[in-house]
Amino acid sequence: MIGRLNHVAIAVPDLTAAAEQYRTALGAKVGAPQDEPDHGVTVIFIELPNTKIELLYPLGENSPINGFLEKNPAGGIHHICYEVDDILAARDQLLKTGARVLGTGEPKIGAHGKPVLFLHPKDFNGCLVELEQV
């Protein structure tokens, strides 16, 4: 059901500094910041030959990233994102296996303009999983 790894998301306490570190220390192609108000984050994508890194920074007081950074002040890996061909079929199959979909269970539009869902980390070995329809 899952396809390729779309991205690894890293929550960061300083978005500008993190982007600059990837640009200068690692020589990575770093995109521009984009606000995602529906998800409470500002993101920057870093293009790699085989996938992407998504830097996450809180957008607003109710951002889910605030709690993560309170527990992990230096930042850290927040989630991984896999591609799926049909997000609703993937969701329905996962629900049949007992996996929990976060939120309402209905896809939201993600940072790439495509439908996304998040799966409860307790159902996936402590890892928050995002699914993105391609």
N, C-alpha and C. Protein backbone atom coordinates (compact mmCIF):
# COMPACT_ATOMS: atom_id res chain seq x y z
N MET A 1 0.83 -1.19 0.00
CA MET A 1 0.00 0.00 0.00
C MET A 1 0.87 1.26 0.00
N ILE A 2 1.90 1.29 0.85
CA ILE A 2 2.72 2.50 0.89
C ILE A 2 3.73 2.48 -0.25
N GLY A 3 4.03 3.67 -0.71
CA GLY A 3 5.02 3.84 -1.77
C GLY A 3 6.32 4.36 -1.19
N ARG A 4 6.91 5.26 -1.90
CA ARG A 4 8.22 5.76 -1.50
C ARG A 4 8.13 6.70 -0.30
N LEU A 5 9.26 6.87 0.34
CA LEU A 5 9.38 7.84 1.43
C LEU A 5 9.32 9.23 0.81
N ASN A 6 8.34 10.02 1.23
CA ASN A 6 8.20 11.37 0.68
C ASN A 6 9.11 12.35 1.41
N HIS A 7 9.09 12.30 2.75
CA HIS A 7 9.97 13.19 3.51
C HIS A 7 10.10 12.73 4.95
N VAL A 8 11.13 13.25 5.60
CA VAL A 8 11.33 13.13 7.03
C VAL A 8 11.19 14.54 7.58
N ALA A 9 10.31 14.72 8.56
CA ALA A 9 10.05 16.04 9.13
C ALA A 9 10.81 16.21 10.43
N ILE A 10 11.49 17.35 10.55
CA ILE A 10 12.28 17.66 11.73
C ILE A 10 11.76 18.96 12.32
N ALA A 11 11.32 18.90 13.58
CA ALA A 11 10.89 20.11 14.29
C ALA A 11 12.15 20.85 14.74
N VAL A 12 12.15 22.17 14.52
CA VAL A 12 13.34 22.98 14.85
C VAL A 12 12.94 24.20 15.68
N PRO A 13 13.81 24.60 16.64
CA PRO A 13 13.50 25.78 17.44
C PRO A 13 13.82 27.10 16.72
N ASP A 14 14.65 27.04 15.67
CA ASP A 14 15.04 28.24 14.91
C ASP A 14 15.05 27.85 13.43
N LEU A 15 14.01 28.22 12.72
CA LEU A 15 13.85 27.81 11.33
C LEU A 15 14.95 28.39 10.43
N THR A 16 15.25 29.66 10.62
CA THR A 16 16.27 30.31 9.79
C THR A 16 17.63 29.67 10.00
N ALA A 17 18.00 29.42 11.25
CA ALA A 17 19.30 28.81 11.53
C ALA A 17 19.38 27.39 10.99
N ALA A 18 18.29 26.63 11.12
CA ALA A 18 18.28 25.26 10.61
C ALA A 18 18.42 25.24 9.09
N ALA A 19 17.70 26.11 8.41
CA ALA A 19 17.78 26.18 6.95
C ALA A 19 19.19 26.57 6.51
N GLU A 20 19.76 27.51 7.19
CA GLU A 20 21.12 27.96 6.84
C GLU A 20 22.14 26.85 7.08
N GLN A 21 21.96 26.08 8.12
CA GLN A 21 22.87 24.96 8.39
C GLN A 21 22.83 23.94 7.25
N TYR A 22 21.64 23.59 6.80
CA TYR A 22 21.52 22.65 5.67
C TYR A 22 22.13 23.24 4.40
N ARG A 23 21.92 24.55 4.20
CA ARG A 23 22.43 25.22 2.99
C ARG A 23 23.95 25.29 3.00
N THR A 24 24.53 25.74 4.11
CA THR A 24 25.98 25.99 4.13
C THR A 24 26.80 24.76 4.53
N ALA A 25 26.40 24.09 5.60
CA ALA A 25 27.20 22.96 6.08
C ALA A 25 27.05 21.73 5.19
N LEU A 26 25.84 21.51 4.67
CA LEU A 26 25.58 20.30 3.89
C LEU A 26 25.44 20.57 2.39
N GLY A 27 25.41 21.83 2.00
CA GLY A 27 25.30 22.16 0.59
C GLY A 27 23.98 21.76 -0.04
N ALA A 28 22.92 21.75 0.76
CA ALA A 28 21.61 21.29 0.28
C ALA A 28 20.86 22.41 -0.41
N LYS A 29 19.93 22.00 -1.29
CA LYS A 29 19.02 22.93 -1.94
C LYS A 29 17.86 23.18 -0.98
N VAL A 30 17.76 24.39 -0.48
CA VAL A 30 16.79 24.74 0.56
C VAL A 30 15.72 25.65 -0.03
N GLY A 31 14.46 25.27 0.15
CA GLY A 31 13.34 26.05 -0.37
C GLY A 31 13.02 27.25 0.52
N ALA A 32 12.01 27.99 0.12
CA ALA A 32 11.55 29.15 0.88
C ALA A 32 10.58 28.72 1.96
N PRO A 33 10.49 29.48 3.05
CA PRO A 33 9.50 29.17 4.09
C PRO A 33 8.08 29.30 3.54
N GLN A 34 7.21 28.40 3.99
CA GLN A 34 5.79 28.52 3.63
C GLN A 34 4.94 28.25 4.86
N ASP A 35 4.02 29.15 5.12
CA ASP A 35 3.09 28.99 6.24
C ASP A 35 1.99 28.02 5.86
N GLU A 36 1.68 27.13 6.78
CA GLU A 36 0.59 26.16 6.61
C GLU A 36 -0.36 26.33 7.80
N PRO A 37 -1.24 27.36 7.75
CA PRO A 37 -2.09 27.65 8.90
C PRO A 37 -3.02 26.51 9.31
N ASP A 38 -3.47 25.70 8.35
CA ASP A 38 -4.35 24.58 8.70
C ASP A 38 -3.65 23.53 9.55
N HIS A 39 -2.32 23.52 9.49
CA HIS A 39 -1.54 22.54 10.26
C HIS A 39 -0.77 23.20 11.40
N GLY A 40 -0.81 24.53 11.49
CA GLY A 40 -0.14 25.24 12.57
C GLY A 40 1.37 25.22 12.47
N VAL A 41 1.90 25.22 11.24
CA VAL A 41 3.35 25.16 11.07
C VAL A 41 3.80 26.07 9.94
N THR A 42 5.05 26.47 10.04
CA THR A 42 5.79 27.03 8.91
C THR A 42 6.79 25.97 8.51
N VAL A 43 6.89 25.70 7.22
CA VAL A 43 7.77 24.63 6.74
C VAL A 43 8.78 25.16 5.74
N ILE A 44 9.91 24.49 5.69
CA ILE A 44 10.89 24.67 4.63
C ILE A 44 11.26 23.28 4.16
N PHE A 45 11.21 23.07 2.86
CA PHE A 45 11.60 21.77 2.30
C PHE A 45 13.03 21.84 1.79
N ILE A 46 13.76 20.79 2.09
CA ILE A 46 15.13 20.62 1.62
C ILE A 46 15.10 19.46 0.64
N GLU A 47 15.51 19.74 -0.59
CA GLU A 47 15.48 18.73 -1.65
C GLU A 47 16.74 17.87 -1.61
N LEU A 48 16.53 16.56 -1.57
CA LEU A 48 17.62 15.60 -1.65
C LEU A 48 17.43 14.79 -2.92
N PRO A 49 18.46 14.09 -3.37
CA PRO A 49 18.30 13.31 -4.60
C PRO A 49 17.20 12.24 -4.52
N ASN A 50 16.97 11.68 -3.34
CA ASN A 50 16.02 10.57 -3.23
C ASN A 50 14.79 10.85 -2.36
N THR A 51 14.74 12.00 -1.69
CA THR A 51 13.59 12.35 -0.85
C THR A 51 13.71 13.81 -0.44
N LYS A 52 13.00 14.20 0.61
CA LYS A 52 13.05 15.57 1.11
C LYS A 52 13.16 15.55 2.64
N ILE A 53 13.68 16.63 3.17
CA ILE A 53 13.62 16.91 4.60
C ILE A 53 12.65 18.08 4.74
N GLU A 54 11.75 17.98 5.70
CA GLU A 54 10.81 19.07 5.97
C GLU A 54 11.16 19.65 7.34
N LEU A 55 11.60 20.89 7.35
CA LEU A 55 11.84 21.58 8.62
C LEU A 55 10.51 22.17 9.08
N LEU A 56 10.15 21.91 10.34
CA LEU A 56 8.89 22.36 10.91
C LEU A 56 9.14 23.38 12.01
N TYR A 57 8.39 24.46 11.98
CA TYR A 57 8.49 25.48 13.01
C TYR A 57 7.06 25.87 13.39
N PRO A 58 6.80 26.13 14.68
CA PRO A 58 5.43 26.46 15.11
C PRO A 58 4.90 27.73 14.44
N LEU A 59 3.63 27.67 14.07
CA LEU A 59 2.92 28.84 13.54
C LEU A 59 1.72 29.06 14.46
N GLY A 60 1.85 30.01 15.36
CA GLY A 60 0.77 30.31 16.29
C GLY A 60 0.91 29.55 17.60
N GLU A 61 0.14 30.03 18.58
CA GLU A 61 0.21 29.45 19.94
C GLU A 61 -0.34 28.03 20.01
N ASN A 62 -1.25 27.67 19.13
CA ASN A 62 -1.87 26.34 19.18
C ASN A 62 -1.18 25.33 18.27
N SER A 63 -0.02 25.65 17.80
CA SER A 63 0.71 24.74 16.92
C SER A 63 1.04 23.44 17.63
N PRO A 64 0.85 22.29 16.98
CA PRO A 64 1.23 21.02 17.61
C PRO A 64 2.74 20.91 17.80
N ILE A 65 3.50 21.74 17.12
CA ILE A 65 4.95 21.69 17.25
C ILE A 65 5.42 22.32 18.56
N ASN A 66 4.62 23.22 19.12
CA ASN A 66 5.01 23.83 20.40
C ASN A 66 5.24 22.77 21.49
N GLY A 67 4.29 21.85 21.63
CA GLY A 67 4.43 20.80 22.64
C GLY A 67 5.63 19.92 22.38
N PHE A 68 5.87 19.60 21.11
CA PHE A 68 7.03 18.77 20.75
C PHE A 68 8.32 19.48 21.16
N LEU A 69 8.42 20.77 20.86
CA LEU A 69 9.64 21.52 21.19
C LEU A 69 9.79 21.75 22.69
N GLU A 70 8.68 21.80 23.43
CA GLU A 70 8.79 21.89 24.89
C GLU A 70 9.45 20.64 25.45
N LYS A 71 9.10 19.49 24.89
CA LYS A 71 9.69 18.22 25.33
C LYS A 71 11.08 17.99 24.74
N ASN A 72 11.34 18.59 23.59
CA ASN A 72 12.61 18.42 22.87
C ASN A 72 13.12 19.80 22.45
N PRO A 73 13.67 20.58 23.39
CA PRO A 73 14.03 21.97 23.08
C PRO A 73 15.04 22.14 21.94
N ALA A 74 15.86 21.15 21.70
CA ALA A 74 16.83 21.23 20.61
C ALA A 74 16.21 20.83 19.27
N GLY A 75 14.95 20.37 19.30
CA GLY A 75 14.29 19.88 18.10
C GLY A 75 14.51 18.39 17.94
N GLY A 76 14.05 17.85 16.82
CA GLY A 76 14.23 16.43 16.56
C GLY A 76 13.27 15.94 15.50
N ILE A 77 13.41 14.66 15.15
CA ILE A 77 12.54 14.08 14.13
C ILE A 77 11.11 14.05 14.65
N HIS A 78 10.20 14.61 13.90
CA HIS A 78 8.80 14.72 14.29
C HIS A 78 7.94 13.62 13.65
N HIS A 79 8.12 13.39 12.32
CA HIS A 79 7.35 12.35 11.65
C HIS A 79 8.02 11.95 10.35
N ILE A 80 7.54 10.84 9.80
CA ILE A 80 7.95 10.42 8.47
C ILE A 80 6.71 10.37 7.59
N CYS A 81 6.89 10.62 6.31
CA CYS A 81 5.77 10.67 5.39
C CYS A 81 5.97 9.68 4.25
N TYR A 82 4.97 8.81 4.07
CA TYR A 82 4.97 7.85 2.97
C TYR A 82 3.93 8.26 1.94
N GLU A 83 4.21 7.94 0.70
CA GLU A 83 3.27 8.20 -0.37
C GLU A 83 2.31 7.02 -0.53
N VAL A 84 1.06 7.34 -0.85
CA VAL A 84 0.05 6.33 -1.18
C VAL A 84 -0.68 6.78 -2.44
N ASP A 85 -1.17 5.81 -3.20
CA ASP A 85 -1.91 6.14 -4.42
C ASP A 85 -3.32 6.64 -4.13
N ASP A 86 -3.96 6.06 -3.13
CA ASP A 86 -5.35 6.39 -2.81
C ASP A 86 -5.47 6.53 -1.30
N ILE A 87 -5.52 7.75 -0.82
CA ILE A 87 -5.48 7.99 0.62
C ILE A 87 -6.72 7.45 1.34
N LEU A 88 -7.88 7.49 0.70
CA LEU A 88 -9.09 6.98 1.34
C LEU A 88 -9.05 5.46 1.45
N ALA A 89 -8.58 4.79 0.41
CA ALA A 89 -8.44 3.33 0.47
C ALA A 89 -7.40 2.94 1.52
N ALA A 90 -6.31 3.71 1.59
CA ALA A 90 -5.27 3.45 2.60
C ALA A 90 -5.84 3.62 4.00
N ARG A 91 -6.59 4.71 4.21
CA ARG A 91 -7.21 4.95 5.51
C ARG A 91 -8.14 3.81 5.89
N ASP A 92 -8.99 3.41 4.97
CA ASP A 92 -9.96 2.36 5.28
C ASP A 92 -9.26 1.04 5.62
N GLN A 93 -8.20 0.72 4.89
CA GLN A 93 -7.44 -0.50 5.17
C GLN A 93 -6.78 -0.42 6.54
N LEU A 94 -6.21 0.72 6.86
CA LEU A 94 -5.55 0.90 8.16
C LEU A 94 -6.55 0.80 9.30
N LEU A 95 -7.72 1.40 9.13
CA LEU A 95 -8.74 1.32 10.18
C LEU A 95 -9.16 -0.13 10.42
N LYS A 96 -9.23 -0.93 9.36
CA LYS A 96 -9.58 -2.35 9.50
C LYS A 96 -8.54 -3.11 10.33
N THR A 97 -7.29 -2.65 10.29
CA THR A 97 -6.23 -3.33 11.06
C THR A 97 -6.14 -2.81 12.49
N GLY A 98 -6.95 -1.80 12.82
CA GLY A 98 -6.94 -1.25 14.18
C GLY A 98 -6.08 -0.01 14.33
N ALA A 99 -5.48 0.46 13.26
CA ALA A 99 -4.68 1.68 13.34
C ALA A 99 -5.60 2.87 13.56
N ARG A 100 -5.10 3.86 14.27
CA ARG A 100 -5.87 5.07 14.55
C ARG A 100 -5.41 6.21 13.65
N VAL A 101 -6.37 6.86 13.01
CA VAL A 101 -6.10 8.04 12.21
C VAL A 101 -6.37 9.25 13.09
N LEU A 102 -5.44 10.18 13.12
CA LEU A 102 -5.59 11.36 13.97
C LEU A 102 -6.57 12.36 13.37
N GLY A 103 -7.10 13.22 14.22
CA GLY A 103 -8.05 14.23 13.77
C GLY A 103 -9.40 13.62 13.48
N THR A 104 -10.06 14.15 12.46
CA THR A 104 -11.41 13.69 12.11
C THR A 104 -11.39 12.40 11.30
N GLY A 105 -10.23 12.03 10.81
CA GLY A 105 -10.14 10.87 9.93
C GLY A 105 -10.31 11.23 8.47
N GLU A 106 -10.63 12.49 8.21
CA GLU A 106 -10.73 12.97 6.83
C GLU A 106 -9.43 13.66 6.45
N PRO A 107 -8.98 13.45 5.22
CA PRO A 107 -7.73 14.08 4.78
C PRO A 107 -7.82 15.61 4.79
N LYS A 108 -6.67 16.24 5.07
CA LYS A 108 -6.51 17.68 4.92
C LYS A 108 -5.53 17.89 3.78
N ILE A 109 -5.50 19.08 3.26
CA ILE A 109 -4.53 19.39 2.22
C ILE A 109 -3.22 19.76 2.90
N GLY A 110 -2.14 19.09 2.49
CA GLY A 110 -0.84 19.29 3.10
C GLY A 110 0.00 20.34 2.38
N ALA A 111 1.26 20.44 2.77
CA ALA A 111 2.17 21.45 2.26
C ALA A 111 2.46 21.32 0.76
N HIS A 112 2.26 20.13 0.20
CA HIS A 112 2.48 19.94 -1.24
C HIS A 112 1.18 20.12 -2.03
N GLY A 113 0.11 20.54 -1.35
CA GLY A 113 -1.16 20.73 -2.03
C GLY A 113 -1.90 19.43 -2.30
N LYS A 114 -1.52 18.37 -1.59
CA LYS A 114 -2.14 17.05 -1.78
C LYS A 114 -2.75 16.58 -0.47
N PRO A 115 -3.73 15.67 -0.53
CA PRO A 115 -4.38 15.18 0.69
C PRO A 115 -3.41 14.40 1.58
N VAL A 116 -3.51 14.65 2.90
CA VAL A 116 -2.66 13.96 3.87
C VAL A 116 -3.49 13.51 5.07
N LEU A 117 -3.00 12.48 5.73
CA LEU A 117 -3.54 11.98 7.00
C LEU A 117 -2.36 11.64 7.90
N PHE A 118 -2.61 11.70 9.21
CA PHE A 118 -1.59 11.29 10.18
C PHE A 118 -2.10 10.09 10.96
N LEU A 119 -1.19 9.17 11.26
CA LEU A 119 -1.51 7.95 11.99
C LEU A 119 -0.88 8.01 13.38
N HIS A 120 -1.60 7.51 14.36
CA HIS A 120 -1.17 7.59 15.76
C HIS A 120 0.18 6.90 15.95
N PRO A 121 1.13 7.59 16.61
CA PRO A 121 2.45 7.00 16.81
C PRO A 121 2.44 5.72 17.65
N LYS A 122 1.49 5.58 18.55
CA LYS A 122 1.45 4.36 19.37
C LYS A 122 1.12 3.13 18.55
N ASP A 123 0.56 3.34 17.36
CA ASP A 123 0.24 2.21 16.48
C ASP A 123 1.39 1.87 15.53
N PHE A 124 2.45 2.71 15.52
CA PHE A 124 3.56 2.51 14.58
C PHE A 124 4.90 2.67 15.29
N ASN A 125 5.06 1.90 16.36
CA ASN A 125 6.34 1.81 17.07
C ASN A 125 6.87 3.15 17.54
N GLY A 126 5.96 4.02 17.97
CA GLY A 126 6.37 5.31 18.51
C GLY A 126 6.64 6.37 17.47
N CYS A 127 6.35 6.09 16.21
CA CYS A 127 6.64 7.03 15.12
C CYS A 127 5.34 7.60 14.56
N LEU A 128 5.24 8.92 14.55
CA LEU A 128 4.11 9.57 13.90
C LEU A 128 4.29 9.40 12.39
N VAL A 129 3.27 8.87 11.73
CA VAL A 129 3.34 8.60 10.29
C VAL A 129 2.33 9.49 9.57
N GLU A 130 2.81 10.14 8.52
CA GLU A 130 1.95 10.91 7.63
C GLU A 130 1.83 10.12 6.32
N LEU A 131 0.62 10.09 5.79
CA LEU A 131 0.39 9.53 4.46
C LEU A 131 0.01 10.67 3.54
N GLU A 132 0.60 10.67 2.34
CA GLU A 132 0.29 11.72 1.36
C GLU A 132 -0.10 11.04 0.05
N GLN A 133 -1.24 11.43 -0.48
CA GLN A 133 -1.68 10.88 -1.77
C GLN A 133 -0.87 11.52 -2.89
N VAL A 134 -0.41 10.66 -3.80
CA VAL A 134 0.38 11.19 -4.94
C VAL A 134 -0.37 10.99 -6.24
